[in-house]
Amino acid sequence: MNKSLKQLEDALQNTELPAAKKEELMALLAQLRHDEAALAPEETSRLQELLLEFESRHPDLSNAIGRLSSLLAGSGL
């Protein structure tokens, strides 16, 4: 999850959004990081297991989401 949050932060840094909107999104990202840090290790582990299970059951969808995310980040959205 930490890797995904970093990718999201990088995408936000590289977008051409109004400063106020970017600040709002970065604040939400900081809150998400805080909430993740508050999770017990077993909850984080379970979340990672569920993510891996989803990716293995739906590889095409997972790849499409990844490509879409990269496309949006590259286009400034």
C-alpha atoms as a PDB file:
ATOM      1  CA  MET A   1       0.000   0.000   0.000  1.00  0.00           C
ATOM      2  CA  ASN A   2       2.906   2.315   0.702  1.00  0.00           C
ATOM      3  CA  LYS A   3       4.066   1.899  -2.901  1.00  0.00           C
ATOM      4  CA  SER A   4       0.601   2.818  -4.181  1.00  0.00           C
ATOM      5  CA  LEU A   5       0.500   5.901  -1.976  1.00  0.00           C
ATOM      6  CA  LYS A   6       3.906   6.958  -3.308  1.00  0.00           C
ATOM      7  CA  GLN A   7       2.703   6.490  -6.890  1.00  0.00           C
ATOM      8  CA  LEU A   8      -0.375   8.558  -6.129  1.00  0.00           C
ATOM      9  CA  GLU A   9       1.745  11.292  -4.570  1.00  0.00           C
ATOM     10  CA  ASP A  10       4.063  11.328  -7.593  1.00  0.00           C
ATOM     11  CA  ALA A  11       1.076  11.558  -9.925  1.00  0.00           C
ATOM     12  CA  LEU A  12      -0.362  14.456  -7.933  1.00  0.00           C
ATOM     13  CA  GLN A  13       2.961  16.281  -7.951  1.00  0.00           C
ATOM     14  CA  ASN A  14       3.102  16.033 -11.737  1.00  0.00           C
ATOM     15  CA  THR A  15      -0.454  17.160 -12.455  1.00  0.00           C
ATOM     16  CA  GLU A  16      -1.452  20.592 -13.623  1.00  0.00           C
ATOM     17  CA  LEU A  17      -4.184  21.308 -11.126  1.00  0.00           C
ATOM     18  CA  PRO A  18      -5.036  24.587  -9.463  1.00  0.00           C
ATOM     19  CA  ALA A  19      -2.885  25.027  -6.361  1.00  0.00           C
ATOM     20  CA  ALA A  20      -5.870  24.873  -3.994  1.00  0.00           C
ATOM     21  CA  LYS A  21      -7.086  21.578  -5.478  1.00  0.00           C
ATOM     22  CA  LYS A  22      -3.602  20.070  -5.366  1.00  0.00           C
ATOM     23  CA  GLU A  23      -3.233  21.111  -1.717  1.00  0.00           C
ATOM     24  CA  GLU A  24      -6.601  19.551  -0.905  1.00  0.00           C
ATOM     25  CA  LEU A  25      -5.624  16.270  -2.560  1.00  0.00           C
ATOM     26  CA  MET A  26      -2.227  16.235  -0.869  1.00  0.00           C
ATOM     27  CA  ALA A  27      -3.941  16.789   2.500  1.00  0.00           C
ATOM     28  CA  LEU A  28      -6.227  13.840   1.810  1.00  0.00           C
ATOM     29  CA  LEU A  29      -3.205  11.740   0.884  1.00  0.00           C
ATOM     30  CA  ALA A  30      -1.505  12.719   4.142  1.00  0.00           C
ATOM     31  CA  GLN A  31      -4.641  11.680   6.043  1.00  0.00           C
ATOM     32  CA  LEU A  32      -4.659   8.347   4.225  1.00  0.00           C
ATOM     33  CA  ARG A  33      -1.010   7.776   5.177  1.00  0.00           C
ATOM     34  CA  HIS A  34      -1.836   8.633   8.777  1.00  0.00           C
ATOM     35  CA  ASP A  35      -4.776   6.225   8.771  1.00  0.00           C
ATOM     36  CA  GLU A  36      -2.629   3.490   7.233  1.00  0.00           C
ATOM     37  CA  ALA A  37       0.018   3.982   9.912  1.00  0.00           C
ATOM     38  CA  ALA A  38      -2.678   3.575  12.563  1.00  0.00           C
ATOM     39  CA  LEU A  39      -3.644   0.148  11.234  1.00  0.00           C
ATOM     40  CA  ALA A  40      -2.462  -2.811  13.230  1.00  0.00           C
ATOM     41  CA  PRO A  41       0.182  -4.879  11.401  1.00  0.00           C
ATOM     42  CA  GLU A  42      -2.251  -7.760  10.951  1.00  0.00           C
ATOM     43  CA  GLU A  43      -4.773  -5.406   9.304  1.00  0.00           C
ATOM     44  CA  THR A  44      -2.132  -4.114   6.910  1.00  0.00           C
ATOM     45  CA  SER A  45      -1.063  -7.657   6.142  1.00  0.00           C
ATOM     46  CA  ARG A  46      -4.660  -8.702   5.485  1.00  0.00           C
ATOM     47  CA  LEU A  47      -5.173  -5.709   3.199  1.00  0.00           C
ATOM     48  CA  GLN A  48      -2.084  -6.674   1.211  1.00  0.00           C
ATOM     49  CA  GLU A  49      -3.338 -10.267   0.969  1.00  0.00           C
ATOM     50  CA  LEU A  50      -6.682  -9.075  -0.370  1.00  0.00           C
ATOM     51  CA  LEU A  51      -4.965  -6.844  -2.914  1.00  0.00           C
ATOM     52  CA  LEU A  52      -2.773  -9.711  -4.142  1.00  0.00           C
ATOM     53  CA  GLU A  53      -5.798 -11.995  -4.307  1.00  0.00           C
ATOM     54  CA  PHE A  54      -7.703  -9.439  -6.376  1.00  0.00           C
ATOM     55  CA  GLU A  55      -4.745  -9.000  -8.719  1.00  0.00           C
ATOM     56  CA  SER A  56      -4.396 -12.760  -9.192  1.00  0.00           C
ATOM     57  CA  ARG A  57      -8.131 -13.266  -9.811  1.00  0.00           C
ATOM     58  CA  HIS A  58      -8.462 -10.264 -12.113  1.00  0.00           C
ATOM     59  CA  PRO A  59      -5.096  -9.748 -13.823  1.00  0.00           C
ATOM     60  CA  ASP A  60      -6.532  -8.050 -16.904  1.00  0.00           C
ATOM     61  CA  LEU A  61      -8.536  -5.603 -14.814  1.00  0.00           C
ATOM     62  CA  SER A  62      -5.557  -4.941 -12.542  1.00  0.00           C
ATOM     63  CA  ASN A  63      -3.355  -4.233 -15.558  1.00  0.00           C
ATOM     64  CA  ALA A  64      -5.995  -1.990 -17.109  1.00  0.00           C
ATOM     65  CA  ILE A  65      -6.295   0.006 -13.870  1.00  0.00           C
ATOM     66  CA  GLY A  66      -2.519   0.384 -13.742  1.00  0.00           C
ATOM     67  CA  ARG A  67      -2.351   1.545 -17.353  1.00  0.00           C
ATOM     68  CA  LEU A  68      -5.232   3.966 -16.831  1.00  0.00           C
ATOM     69  CA  SER A  69      -3.545   5.380 -13.745  1.00  0.00           C
ATOM     70  CA  SER A  70      -0.299   5.877 -15.670  1.00  0.00           C
ATOM     71  CA  LEU A  71      -2.140   7.441 -18.590  1.00  0.00           C
ATOM     72  CA  LEU A  72      -3.967   9.880 -16.331  1.00  0.00           C
ATOM     73  CA  ALA A  73      -0.789  10.767 -14.477  1.00  0.00           C
ATOM     74  CA  GLY A  74       1.008  11.347 -17.768  1.00  0.00           C
ATOM     75  CA  SER A  75      -1.782  13.506 -19.150  1.00  0.00           C
ATOM     76  CA  GLY A  76      -1.815  15.829 -16.167  1.00  0.00           C
ATOM     77  CA  LEU A  77      -4.995  14.554 -14.542  1.00  0.00           C
END
